[in-house]
């Protein structure tokens, strides 16, 4: 959705596993809004410093300037007259990201959110389930399993560390399919398969 009907806001969620192209898709949508001369602002959690302090970045190398915040509750103070708001890595925010997205949409703004739907143990990654339930538009992206090449919807952690929140990329995670995913195994697979390739997209809407 690129055009906003007068005074109508909504929430779009782009989700999937690691390397499925979530941030790439977020950047694509936000740039289209910029081309349409809509005021855009982008946010990311302060703990995500993988690519730049002041930009979101995809594994494919695309960048878009952003504002880093410690919590979702800080977002409204920066929005000002922006009509399109992007939020990356939403799973790293607390439950208040849901109410913030609701508030912004109720104000007539388009909110585009990207985040992991499951953690490395295959559990729903809060607050994403609630955000998915309350959004108007949902896009689920799939990656390519590095072990067998099948469609992948799970994030395999390949380093043995306990915290649920571990910000990382190829050094810490791989995309795996249901069959090849093993939450108790931490050895990376040696493969020549490309990472970060979007295989499929599931789009739906709920109101």
N, C-alpha and C. Protein backbone atom coordinates (compact mmCIF):
# COMPACT_ATOMS: atom_id res chain seq x y z
N UNK A 1 0.85 -1.19 0.00
CA UNK A 1 0.00 0.00 0.00
C UNK A 1 0.88 1.24 0.00
N UNK A 2 0.78 2.06 -1.05
CA UNK A 2 1.62 3.23 -1.18
C UNK A 2 0.85 4.54 -1.05
N UNK A 3 -0.43 4.51 -1.32
CA UNK A 3 -1.25 5.70 -1.24
C UNK A 3 -2.11 5.66 0.01
N UNK A 4 -2.17 6.76 0.73
CA UNK A 4 -2.94 6.82 1.96
C UNK A 4 -4.23 7.60 1.74
N UNK A 5 -5.39 6.95 1.86
CA UNK A 5 -6.65 7.70 1.80
C UNK A 5 -6.67 8.77 2.88
N UNK A 6 -7.39 9.84 2.63
CA UNK A 6 -7.42 10.98 3.54
C UNK A 6 -7.78 10.55 4.95
N UNK A 7 -6.91 10.89 5.91
CA UNK A 7 -7.13 10.69 7.34
C UNK A 7 -7.30 9.22 7.74
N UNK A 8 -6.84 8.31 6.90
CA UNK A 8 -6.92 6.89 7.26
C UNK A 8 -5.51 6.37 7.53
N UNK A 9 -5.31 5.77 8.71
CA UNK A 9 -4.03 5.18 9.04
C UNK A 9 -4.15 3.68 9.16
N UNK A 10 -3.01 3.00 9.13
CA UNK A 10 -3.02 1.55 9.29
C UNK A 10 -1.63 1.07 9.68
N UNK A 11 -1.54 -0.23 10.01
CA UNK A 11 -0.28 -0.86 10.38
C UNK A 11 0.01 -2.00 9.42
N UNK A 12 1.21 -2.00 8.85
CA UNK A 12 1.68 -3.09 8.00
C UNK A 12 2.83 -3.79 8.73
N UNK A 13 2.81 -5.11 8.76
CA UNK A 13 3.89 -5.86 9.40
C UNK A 13 4.57 -6.76 8.37
N UNK A 14 5.89 -6.66 8.28
CA UNK A 14 6.70 -7.54 7.45
C UNK A 14 7.47 -8.44 8.40
N UNK A 15 7.28 -9.74 8.28
CA UNK A 15 7.89 -10.65 9.25
C UNK A 15 8.48 -11.86 8.56
N UNK A 16 9.17 -12.69 9.33
CA UNK A 16 9.83 -13.88 8.81
C UNK A 16 11.08 -14.17 9.62
N UNK A 17 11.87 -15.12 9.16
CA UNK A 17 13.09 -15.51 9.88
C UNK A 17 14.25 -14.62 9.48
N UNK A 18 15.41 -14.89 10.04
CA UNK A 18 16.63 -14.18 9.66
C UNK A 18 16.91 -14.42 8.17
N UNK A 19 17.43 -13.41 7.50
CA UNK A 19 17.85 -13.48 6.10
C UNK A 19 16.70 -13.68 5.11
N UNK A 20 15.49 -13.36 5.54
CA UNK A 20 14.34 -13.50 4.63
C UNK A 20 14.07 -12.21 3.85
N UNK A 21 14.74 -11.13 4.17
CA UNK A 21 14.57 -9.89 3.43
C UNK A 21 13.60 -8.91 4.05
N UNK A 22 13.40 -8.99 5.38
CA UNK A 22 12.44 -8.11 6.05
C UNK A 22 12.85 -6.64 5.95
N UNK A 23 14.08 -6.34 6.32
CA UNK A 23 14.53 -4.95 6.28
C UNK A 23 14.62 -4.45 4.85
N UNK A 24 15.00 -5.32 3.94
CA UNK A 24 15.04 -4.96 2.52
C UNK A 24 13.65 -4.52 2.04
N UNK A 25 12.63 -5.27 2.43
CA UNK A 25 11.27 -4.93 2.05
C UNK A 25 10.80 -3.66 2.75
N UNK A 26 11.17 -3.49 4.01
CA UNK A 26 10.84 -2.26 4.73
C UNK A 26 11.43 -1.05 4.02
N UNK A 27 12.70 -1.13 3.66
CA UNK A 27 13.36 -0.02 2.97
C UNK A 27 12.68 0.24 1.62
N UNK A 28 12.32 -0.80 0.90
CA UNK A 28 11.66 -0.63 -0.40
C UNK A 28 10.36 0.16 -0.25
N UNK A 29 9.55 -0.21 0.73
CA UNK A 29 8.27 0.47 0.92
C UNK A 29 8.46 1.92 1.33
N UNK A 30 9.43 2.16 2.21
CA UNK A 30 9.65 3.52 2.69
C UNK A 30 10.21 4.41 1.58
N UNK A 31 11.06 3.87 0.75
CA UNK A 31 11.60 4.67 -0.36
C UNK A 31 10.51 5.00 -1.38
N UNK A 32 9.60 4.09 -1.60
CA UNK A 32 8.47 4.37 -2.50
C UNK A 32 7.64 5.52 -1.94
N UNK A 33 7.46 5.52 -0.63
CA UNK A 33 6.72 6.62 0.00
C UNK A 33 7.48 7.94 -0.18
N UNK A 34 8.80 7.90 -0.07
CA UNK A 34 9.60 9.11 -0.28
C UNK A 34 9.47 9.60 -1.72
N UNK A 35 9.48 8.67 -2.67
CA UNK A 35 9.32 9.05 -4.07
C UNK A 35 7.97 9.71 -4.31
N UNK A 36 6.96 9.30 -3.51
CA UNK A 36 5.62 9.88 -3.62
C UNK A 36 5.50 11.19 -2.85
N UNK A 37 6.64 11.71 -2.38
CA UNK A 37 6.70 12.99 -1.66
C UNK A 37 5.99 12.96 -0.31
N UNK A 38 5.91 11.78 0.29
CA UNK A 38 5.33 11.65 1.62
C UNK A 38 6.44 11.79 2.67
N UNK A 39 6.12 12.45 3.77
CA UNK A 39 7.10 12.63 4.84
C UNK A 39 7.30 11.30 5.57
N UNK A 40 8.56 10.84 5.62
CA UNK A 40 8.89 9.52 6.17
C UNK A 40 9.90 9.67 7.29
N UNK A 41 9.74 8.89 8.35
CA UNK A 41 10.74 8.79 9.40
C UNK A 41 10.86 7.33 9.81
N UNK A 42 12.08 6.91 10.13
CA UNK A 42 12.37 5.50 10.41
C UNK A 42 13.01 5.37 11.78
N UNK A 43 12.63 4.32 12.50
CA UNK A 43 13.17 4.07 13.84
C UNK A 43 13.74 2.66 13.94
N UNK A 44 14.73 2.52 14.82
CA UNK A 44 15.27 1.21 15.14
C UNK A 44 15.68 1.19 16.61
N UNK A 45 15.76 0.01 17.22
CA UNK A 45 16.20 -0.06 18.63
C UNK A 45 17.67 0.30 18.77
N UNK A 46 17.99 0.96 19.83
CA UNK A 46 19.35 1.44 20.06
C UNK A 46 20.36 0.30 20.11
N UNK A 47 19.93 -0.90 20.52
CA UNK A 47 20.87 -2.02 20.65
C UNK A 47 21.33 -2.57 19.31
N UNK A 48 20.63 -2.22 18.23
CA UNK A 48 21.01 -2.71 16.91
C UNK A 48 21.99 -1.75 16.25
N UNK A 49 23.27 -2.08 16.34
CA UNK A 49 24.33 -1.23 15.78
C UNK A 49 25.15 -2.00 14.75
N UNK A 50 24.53 -2.97 14.10
CA UNK A 50 25.28 -3.83 13.19
C UNK A 50 25.83 -3.10 11.97
N UNK A 51 25.08 -2.15 11.45
CA UNK A 51 25.47 -1.52 10.18
C UNK A 51 25.85 -0.05 10.34
N UNK A 52 25.08 0.69 11.14
CA UNK A 52 25.37 2.11 11.35
C UNK A 52 24.59 2.60 12.55
N UNK A 53 25.10 3.65 13.17
CA UNK A 53 24.41 4.24 14.32
C UNK A 53 23.12 4.93 13.90
N UNK A 54 23.13 5.51 12.69
CA UNK A 54 22.02 6.36 12.27
C UNK A 54 21.31 5.85 11.02
N UNK A 55 21.34 4.53 10.81
CA UNK A 55 20.67 3.99 9.63
C UNK A 55 20.28 2.54 9.86
N UNK A 56 19.15 2.12 9.25
CA UNK A 56 18.83 0.70 9.21
C UNK A 56 19.53 0.12 7.99
N UNK A 57 19.87 -1.15 8.05
CA UNK A 57 20.59 -1.77 6.95
C UNK A 57 20.11 -3.18 6.70
N UNK A 58 20.07 -3.56 5.43
CA UNK A 58 19.69 -4.93 5.07
C UNK A 58 20.96 -5.75 4.85
N UNK A 59 20.80 -7.08 4.87
CA UNK A 59 21.95 -7.95 4.61
C UNK A 59 22.45 -7.79 3.18
N UNK A 60 21.58 -7.27 2.30
CA UNK A 60 21.97 -7.06 0.90
C UNK A 60 22.76 -5.78 0.72
N UNK A 61 22.86 -4.95 1.77
CA UNK A 61 23.69 -3.76 1.71
C UNK A 61 22.95 -2.45 1.57
N UNK A 62 21.63 -2.46 1.49
CA UNK A 62 20.88 -1.21 1.40
C UNK A 62 20.80 -0.52 2.76
N UNK A 63 20.79 0.81 2.75
CA UNK A 63 20.74 1.60 3.98
C UNK A 63 19.67 2.68 3.86
N UNK A 64 19.11 3.05 5.00
CA UNK A 64 18.16 4.16 5.05
C UNK A 64 18.32 4.84 6.40
N UNK A 65 18.46 6.15 6.37
CA UNK A 65 18.72 6.89 7.60
C UNK A 65 17.59 6.66 8.61
N UNK A 66 17.95 6.52 9.87
CA UNK A 66 16.96 6.22 10.91
C UNK A 66 17.31 6.91 12.21
N UNK A 67 16.37 6.85 13.14
CA UNK A 67 16.54 7.37 14.50
C UNK A 67 16.61 6.18 15.45
N UNK A 68 17.64 6.12 16.27
CA UNK A 68 17.76 5.05 17.27
C UNK A 68 17.08 5.47 18.56
N UNK A 69 16.26 4.58 19.11
CA UNK A 69 15.56 4.87 20.37
C UNK A 69 15.73 3.70 21.32
N UNK A 70 15.70 4.01 22.60
CA UNK A 70 15.84 2.96 23.61
C UNK A 70 14.56 2.16 23.78
N UNK A 71 13.42 2.82 23.63
CA UNK A 71 12.13 2.14 23.78
C UNK A 71 11.14 2.72 22.79
N UNK A 72 10.10 1.96 22.51
CA UNK A 72 9.09 2.41 21.55
C UNK A 72 8.36 3.65 22.05
N UNK A 73 8.30 3.83 23.36
CA UNK A 73 7.59 4.97 23.91
C UNK A 73 8.22 6.30 23.51
N UNK A 74 9.49 6.28 23.06
CA UNK A 74 10.16 7.50 22.62
C UNK A 74 9.75 7.90 21.20
N UNK A 75 9.18 6.99 20.44
CA UNK A 75 8.92 7.24 19.02
C UNK A 75 8.01 8.43 18.77
N UNK A 76 6.85 8.55 19.45
CA UNK A 76 5.93 9.65 19.12
C UNK A 76 6.54 11.04 19.21
N UNK A 77 7.52 11.25 20.08
CA UNK A 77 8.08 12.59 20.24
C UNK A 77 8.90 13.03 19.02
N UNK A 78 9.33 12.06 18.19
CA UNK A 78 10.13 12.39 17.01
C UNK A 78 9.31 12.44 15.72
N UNK A 79 8.09 11.96 15.74
CA UNK A 79 7.32 11.77 14.51
C UNK A 79 6.98 13.09 13.82
N UNK A 80 6.56 14.10 14.58
CA UNK A 80 6.18 15.41 14.05
C UNK A 80 5.16 15.26 12.91
N UNK A 81 5.47 15.75 11.70
CA UNK A 81 4.48 15.74 10.63
C UNK A 81 4.64 14.55 9.68
N UNK A 82 5.43 13.55 10.05
CA UNK A 82 5.62 12.38 9.18
C UNK A 82 4.31 11.64 8.99
N UNK A 83 4.04 11.25 7.75
CA UNK A 83 2.84 10.49 7.43
C UNK A 83 3.10 9.00 7.31
N UNK A 84 4.38 8.65 7.13
CA UNK A 84 4.77 7.24 7.04
C UNK A 84 5.87 6.98 8.04
N UNK A 85 5.66 6.01 8.92
CA UNK A 85 6.62 5.69 9.98
C UNK A 85 7.11 4.27 9.79
N UNK A 86 8.42 4.09 9.72
CA UNK A 86 9.01 2.77 9.64
C UNK A 86 9.63 2.38 10.97
N UNK A 87 9.45 1.13 11.36
CA UNK A 87 10.05 0.61 12.59
C UNK A 87 10.72 -0.72 12.26
N UNK A 88 12.04 -0.80 12.45
CA UNK A 88 12.77 -2.02 12.15
C UNK A 88 13.09 -2.78 13.43
N UNK A 89 13.25 -4.10 13.31
CA UNK A 89 13.61 -4.97 14.44
C UNK A 89 12.65 -4.78 15.61
N UNK A 90 11.37 -4.83 15.30
CA UNK A 90 10.34 -4.55 16.32
C UNK A 90 10.37 -5.55 17.47
N UNK A 91 10.90 -6.76 17.23
CA UNK A 91 10.92 -7.77 18.30
C UNK A 91 11.81 -7.35 19.46
N UNK A 92 12.71 -6.38 19.23
CA UNK A 92 13.60 -5.93 20.30
C UNK A 92 12.96 -4.86 21.17
N UNK A 93 11.79 -4.37 20.78
CA UNK A 93 11.06 -3.42 21.61
C UNK A 93 10.13 -4.18 22.56
N UNK A 94 9.71 -3.54 23.62
CA UNK A 94 8.77 -4.14 24.55
C UNK A 94 7.35 -4.10 24.00
N UNK A 95 6.42 -4.50 24.84
CA UNK A 95 5.02 -4.56 24.43
C UNK A 95 4.45 -3.19 24.08
N UNK A 96 5.13 -2.11 24.54
CA UNK A 96 4.60 -0.77 24.26
C UNK A 96 4.67 -0.42 22.78
N UNK A 97 5.43 -1.18 21.97
CA UNK A 97 5.47 -0.90 20.54
C UNK A 97 4.10 -1.12 19.91
N UNK A 98 3.30 -2.01 20.49
CA UNK A 98 1.95 -2.28 19.95
C UNK A 98 1.06 -1.06 20.14
N UNK A 99 1.04 -0.52 21.36
CA UNK A 99 0.19 0.65 21.62
C UNK A 99 0.69 1.87 20.86
N UNK A 100 2.00 1.99 20.66
CA UNK A 100 2.55 3.11 19.90
C UNK A 100 2.10 3.01 18.44
N UNK A 101 2.16 1.82 17.86
CA UNK A 101 1.71 1.65 16.48
C UNK A 101 0.22 1.95 16.35
N UNK A 102 -0.57 1.49 17.32
CA UNK A 102 -2.00 1.78 17.33
C UNK A 102 -2.24 3.29 17.37
N UNK A 103 -1.52 3.97 18.26
CA UNK A 103 -1.68 5.41 18.40
C UNK A 103 -1.37 6.14 17.10
N UNK A 104 -0.26 5.78 16.46
CA UNK A 104 0.14 6.44 15.23
C UNK A 104 -0.85 6.18 14.10
N UNK A 105 -1.33 4.95 14.01
CA UNK A 105 -2.32 4.62 12.98
C UNK A 105 -3.63 5.36 13.23
N UNK A 106 -4.02 5.48 14.50
CA UNK A 106 -5.25 6.20 14.84
C UNK A 106 -5.15 7.68 14.50
N UNK A 107 -3.92 8.18 14.42
CA UNK A 107 -3.71 9.58 14.04
C UNK A 107 -3.72 9.78 12.53
N UNK A 108 -3.95 8.70 11.79
CA UNK A 108 -4.01 8.79 10.34
C UNK A 108 -2.70 8.55 9.65
N UNK A 109 -1.77 7.88 10.31
CA UNK A 109 -0.45 7.63 9.73
C UNK A 109 -0.33 6.17 9.27
N UNK A 110 0.53 5.97 8.29
CA UNK A 110 0.86 4.62 7.82
C UNK A 110 2.09 4.15 8.59
N UNK A 111 1.97 3.01 9.27
CA UNK A 111 3.06 2.48 10.08
C UNK A 111 3.52 1.16 9.46
N UNK A 112 4.79 1.09 9.08
CA UNK A 112 5.34 -0.12 8.46
C UNK A 112 6.39 -0.69 9.42
N UNK A 113 6.17 -1.92 9.85
CA UNK A 113 6.98 -2.54 10.90
C UNK A 113 7.62 -3.82 10.38
N UNK A 114 8.88 -4.03 10.69
CA UNK A 114 9.57 -5.27 10.34
C UNK A 114 10.11 -5.92 11.60
N UNK A 115 10.01 -7.26 11.67
CA UNK A 115 10.54 -7.96 12.84
C UNK A 115 10.43 -9.47 12.72
N UNK A 116 11.22 -10.16 13.52
CA UNK A 116 11.20 -11.63 13.57
C UNK A 116 9.90 -12.12 14.20
N UNK A 117 9.30 -13.16 13.61
CA UNK A 117 8.10 -13.73 14.22
C UNK A 117 8.43 -14.79 15.26
N UNK A 118 9.62 -15.44 15.14
CA UNK A 118 10.03 -16.47 16.10
C UNK A 118 11.47 -16.24 16.54
N UNK A 119 11.79 -16.65 17.76
CA UNK A 119 13.17 -16.59 18.22
C UNK A 119 13.91 -17.85 17.77
N UNK A 120 15.17 -18.00 18.19
CA UNK A 120 15.98 -19.12 17.71
C UNK A 120 15.52 -20.46 18.26
N UNK A 121 14.67 -20.45 19.29
CA UNK A 121 14.10 -21.68 19.84
C UNK A 121 12.75 -22.01 19.22
N UNK A 122 12.32 -21.22 18.25
CA UNK A 122 11.05 -21.48 17.58
C UNK A 122 9.84 -20.98 18.34
N UNK A 123 10.05 -20.13 19.33
CA UNK A 123 8.93 -19.58 20.10
C UNK A 123 8.51 -18.25 19.51
N UNK A 124 7.19 -17.94 19.56
CA UNK A 124 6.75 -16.61 19.10
C UNK A 124 7.53 -15.53 19.83
N UNK A 125 8.01 -14.55 19.06
CA UNK A 125 8.90 -13.52 19.60
C UNK A 125 8.06 -12.30 19.99
N UNK A 126 7.73 -12.21 21.27
CA UNK A 126 6.96 -11.06 21.75
C UNK A 126 7.75 -9.77 21.50
N UNK A 127 7.07 -8.72 21.11
CA UNK A 127 5.61 -8.51 21.03
C UNK A 127 5.02 -8.75 19.64
N UNK A 128 5.72 -9.48 18.78
CA UNK A 128 5.26 -9.64 17.41
C UNK A 128 3.88 -10.30 17.28
N UNK A 129 3.55 -11.34 18.06
CA UNK A 129 2.22 -11.95 17.90
C UNK A 129 1.07 -10.95 18.07
N UNK A 130 1.16 -10.08 19.08
CA UNK A 130 0.10 -9.10 19.29
C UNK A 130 0.09 -8.06 18.17
N UNK A 131 1.27 -7.69 17.72
CA UNK A 131 1.36 -6.72 16.64
C UNK A 131 0.76 -7.29 15.35
N UNK A 132 1.03 -8.56 15.09
CA UNK A 132 0.45 -9.22 13.92
C UNK A 132 -1.07 -9.27 14.01
N UNK A 133 -1.57 -9.55 15.21
CA UNK A 133 -3.02 -9.65 15.39
C UNK A 133 -3.72 -8.32 15.17
N UNK A 134 -3.05 -7.22 15.50
CA UNK A 134 -3.69 -5.91 15.43
C UNK A 134 -3.40 -5.14 14.13
N UNK A 135 -2.57 -5.70 13.27
CA UNK A 135 -2.22 -5.00 12.03
C UNK A 135 -3.24 -5.26 10.93
N UNK A 136 -3.34 -4.31 10.01
CA UNK A 136 -4.23 -4.49 8.86
C UNK A 136 -3.62 -5.36 7.77
N UNK A 137 -2.30 -5.24 7.58
CA UNK A 137 -1.63 -5.93 6.48
C UNK A 137 -0.44 -6.71 7.00
N UNK A 138 -0.31 -7.97 6.57
CA UNK A 138 0.77 -8.85 7.03
C UNK A 138 1.47 -9.45 5.82
N UNK A 139 2.79 -9.37 5.81
CA UNK A 139 3.60 -10.02 4.79
C UNK A 139 4.61 -10.92 5.48
N UNK A 140 4.56 -12.23 5.18
CA UNK A 140 5.55 -13.15 5.75
C UNK A 140 6.50 -13.57 4.65
N UNK A 141 7.79 -13.36 4.89
CA UNK A 141 8.83 -13.68 3.93
C UNK A 141 9.57 -14.95 4.33
N UNK A 142 10.03 -15.69 3.34
CA UNK A 142 10.81 -16.89 3.58
C UNK A 142 12.22 -16.71 3.02
N UNK A 143 13.19 -17.33 3.67
CA UNK A 143 14.57 -17.33 3.20
C UNK A 143 14.85 -18.66 2.50
N UNK A 144 16.12 -18.95 2.26
CA UNK A 144 16.55 -20.23 1.71
C UNK A 144 17.34 -20.97 2.78
N UNK A 145 16.96 -22.21 3.04
CA UNK A 145 17.68 -23.03 4.02
C UNK A 145 19.10 -23.26 3.55
N UNK A 146 20.08 -22.90 4.38
CA UNK A 146 21.48 -23.05 3.98
C UNK A 146 21.92 -24.52 3.99
N UNK A 147 21.13 -25.39 4.63
CA UNK A 147 21.50 -26.80 4.71
C UNK A 147 21.02 -27.60 3.50
N UNK A 148 19.81 -27.26 2.97
CA UNK A 148 19.25 -28.08 1.89
C UNK A 148 18.67 -27.28 0.73
N UNK A 149 18.52 -25.97 0.89
CA UNK A 149 17.99 -25.16 -0.19
C UNK A 149 16.49 -25.04 -0.23
N UNK A 150 15.79 -25.63 0.73
CA UNK A 150 14.33 -25.55 0.78
C UNK A 150 13.91 -24.18 1.33
N UNK A 151 12.63 -23.81 1.19
CA UNK A 151 12.15 -22.58 1.82
C UNK A 151 12.38 -22.63 3.33
N UNK A 152 12.91 -21.55 3.87
CA UNK A 152 13.27 -21.51 5.29
C UNK A 152 12.43 -20.49 6.02
N UNK A 153 11.91 -20.88 7.19
CA UNK A 153 11.12 -19.95 8.01
C UNK A 153 11.62 -19.88 9.43
N UNK A 154 12.83 -20.44 9.70
CA UNK A 154 13.35 -20.47 11.06
C UNK A 154 14.79 -19.96 11.12
N UNK A 155 15.12 -19.41 12.29
CA UNK A 155 16.46 -18.85 12.50
C UNK A 155 17.27 -19.81 13.36
N UNK A 156 18.33 -20.35 12.78
CA UNK A 156 19.21 -21.27 13.50
C UNK A 156 20.36 -20.49 14.13
N UNK A 157 20.48 -20.51 15.44
CA UNK A 157 21.62 -19.87 16.08
C UNK A 157 22.82 -20.81 15.99
N UNK A 158 23.96 -20.27 15.58
CA UNK A 158 25.15 -21.10 15.38
C UNK A 158 26.25 -20.76 16.37
N UNK A 159 25.92 -19.98 17.40
CA UNK A 159 26.85 -19.72 18.49
C UNK A 159 26.14 -20.10 19.79
N UNK A 160 26.89 -20.68 20.70
CA UNK A 160 26.31 -21.19 21.94
C UNK A 160 26.28 -20.10 23.00
N UNK A 161 25.23 -19.29 22.95
CA UNK A 161 25.05 -18.24 23.94
C UNK A 161 23.61 -18.28 24.42
N UNK A 162 23.40 -17.96 25.70
CA UNK A 162 22.10 -18.14 26.32
C UNK A 162 21.07 -17.05 26.05
N UNK A 163 21.45 -15.77 25.97
CA UNK A 163 20.42 -14.73 25.92
C UNK A 163 19.46 -14.91 24.74
N UNK A 164 18.19 -14.66 25.00
CA UNK A 164 17.21 -14.72 23.92
C UNK A 164 17.48 -13.64 22.89
N UNK A 165 17.84 -12.44 23.38
CA UNK A 165 18.14 -11.32 22.49
C UNK A 165 19.64 -11.31 22.23
N UNK A 166 20.01 -11.69 21.03
CA UNK A 166 21.42 -11.68 20.61
C UNK A 166 21.45 -11.06 19.23
N UNK A 167 21.88 -9.81 19.15
CA UNK A 167 21.90 -9.11 17.87
C UNK A 167 23.08 -9.63 17.07
N UNK A 168 22.80 -10.14 15.88
CA UNK A 168 23.86 -10.68 15.05
C UNK A 168 23.37 -10.92 13.64
N UNK A 169 24.30 -11.38 12.78
CA UNK A 169 23.95 -11.67 11.39
C UNK A 169 24.54 -13.02 11.03
N UNK A 170 25.36 -13.09 9.96
CA UNK A 170 25.91 -14.36 9.51
C UNK A 170 26.83 -14.99 10.56
N UNK A 171 27.36 -14.16 11.47
CA UNK A 171 28.24 -14.68 12.50
C UNK A 171 27.50 -15.45 13.58
N UNK A 172 26.18 -15.26 13.67
CA UNK A 172 25.43 -15.85 14.77
C UNK A 172 24.23 -16.68 14.34
N UNK A 173 23.75 -16.49 13.11
CA UNK A 173 22.51 -17.15 12.69
C UNK A 173 22.60 -17.68 11.26
N UNK A 174 21.76 -18.68 10.99
CA UNK A 174 21.53 -19.17 9.64
C UNK A 174 20.04 -19.37 9.43
N UNK A 175 19.61 -19.29 8.19
CA UNK A 175 18.22 -19.60 7.86
C UNK A 175 18.10 -21.11 7.66
N UNK A 176 17.08 -21.70 8.25
CA UNK A 176 16.85 -23.14 8.12
C UNK A 176 15.37 -23.44 7.87
N UNK A 177 15.12 -24.55 7.19
CA UNK A 177 13.76 -25.04 7.01
C UNK A 177 13.34 -25.83 8.25
N UNK A 178 12.10 -26.24 8.29
CA UNK A 178 11.59 -27.00 9.43
C UNK A 178 12.39 -28.27 9.69
N UNK A 179 12.78 -28.96 8.62
CA UNK A 179 13.48 -30.24 8.77
C UNK A 179 14.92 -30.06 9.25
N UNK A 180 15.60 -29.03 8.77
CA UNK A 180 17.03 -28.85 9.08
C UNK A 180 17.27 -28.02 10.34
N UNK A 181 16.24 -27.38 10.85
CA UNK A 181 16.39 -26.54 12.04
C UNK A 181 16.55 -27.39 13.29
N UNK A 182 17.53 -27.08 14.12
CA UNK A 182 17.78 -27.81 15.37
C UNK A 182 18.22 -26.79 16.43
N UNK A 183 17.32 -26.42 17.35
CA UNK A 183 17.65 -25.38 18.33
C UNK A 183 18.75 -25.78 19.30
N UNK A 184 19.09 -27.07 19.37
CA UNK A 184 20.12 -27.52 20.31
C UNK A 184 21.49 -27.66 19.67
N UNK A 185 21.58 -27.37 18.38
CA UNK A 185 22.85 -27.52 17.69
C UNK A 185 23.38 -26.15 17.30
N UNK A 186 24.68 -25.92 17.47
CA UNK A 186 25.24 -24.59 17.27
C UNK A 186 26.35 -24.54 16.23
N UNK A 187 26.54 -25.62 15.45
CA UNK A 187 27.58 -25.59 14.42
C UNK A 187 27.00 -25.05 13.12
N UNK A 188 27.69 -24.08 12.48
CA UNK A 188 27.21 -23.58 11.19
C UNK A 188 27.39 -24.61 10.09
N UNK A 189 26.55 -24.53 9.08
CA UNK A 189 26.64 -25.43 7.93
C UNK A 189 27.59 -24.83 6.90
N UNK A 190 28.46 -25.65 6.34
CA UNK A 190 29.34 -25.20 5.26
C UNK A 190 28.57 -25.36 3.95
N UNK A 191 28.28 -24.24 3.30
CA UNK A 191 27.45 -24.28 2.10
C UNK A 191 27.80 -23.13 1.18
N UNK A 192 27.49 -23.31 -0.09
CA UNK A 192 27.66 -22.24 -1.06
C UNK A 192 26.33 -21.60 -1.43
N UNK A 193 25.26 -22.00 -0.74
CA UNK A 193 23.95 -21.43 -1.02
C UNK A 193 23.93 -19.95 -0.66
N UNK A 194 23.28 -19.10 -1.44
CA UNK A 194 23.22 -17.67 -1.12
C UNK A 194 22.36 -17.41 0.09
N UNK A 195 22.79 -16.48 0.95
CA UNK A 195 22.01 -16.09 2.11
C UNK A 195 21.23 -14.84 1.79
N UNK A 196 20.15 -14.64 2.55
CA UNK A 196 19.41 -13.40 2.43
C UNK A 196 18.55 -13.30 1.20
N UNK A 197 18.19 -14.43 0.58
CA UNK A 197 17.36 -14.41 -0.61
C UNK A 197 15.92 -14.70 -0.23
N UNK A 198 15.03 -13.86 -0.65
CA UNK A 198 13.62 -14.05 -0.36
C UNK A 198 13.04 -15.06 -1.34
N UNK A 199 12.52 -16.15 -0.83
CA UNK A 199 11.96 -17.20 -1.68
C UNK A 199 10.49 -16.99 -1.97
N UNK A 200 9.73 -16.61 -0.96
CA UNK A 200 8.28 -16.55 -1.15
C UNK A 200 7.70 -15.50 -0.25
N UNK A 201 6.50 -15.12 -0.53
CA UNK A 201 5.82 -14.09 0.25
C UNK A 201 4.38 -14.50 0.45
N UNK A 202 3.91 -14.34 1.70
CA UNK A 202 2.51 -14.58 1.99
C UNK A 202 1.92 -13.26 2.47
N UNK A 203 0.91 -12.79 1.79
CA UNK A 203 0.33 -11.50 2.12
C UNK A 203 -1.12 -11.70 2.47
N UNK A 204 -1.57 -11.07 3.57
CA UNK A 204 -2.97 -11.15 3.95
C UNK A 204 -3.37 -9.88 4.63
N UNK A 205 -4.63 -9.75 4.94
CA UNK A 205 -5.10 -8.58 5.66
C UNK A 205 -6.18 -8.98 6.63
N UNK A 206 -6.17 -8.32 7.77
CA UNK A 206 -7.20 -8.53 8.77
C UNK A 206 -7.63 -7.18 9.28
N UNK A 207 -8.89 -7.02 9.51
CA UNK A 207 -9.41 -5.73 9.99
C UNK A 207 -10.23 -5.96 11.25
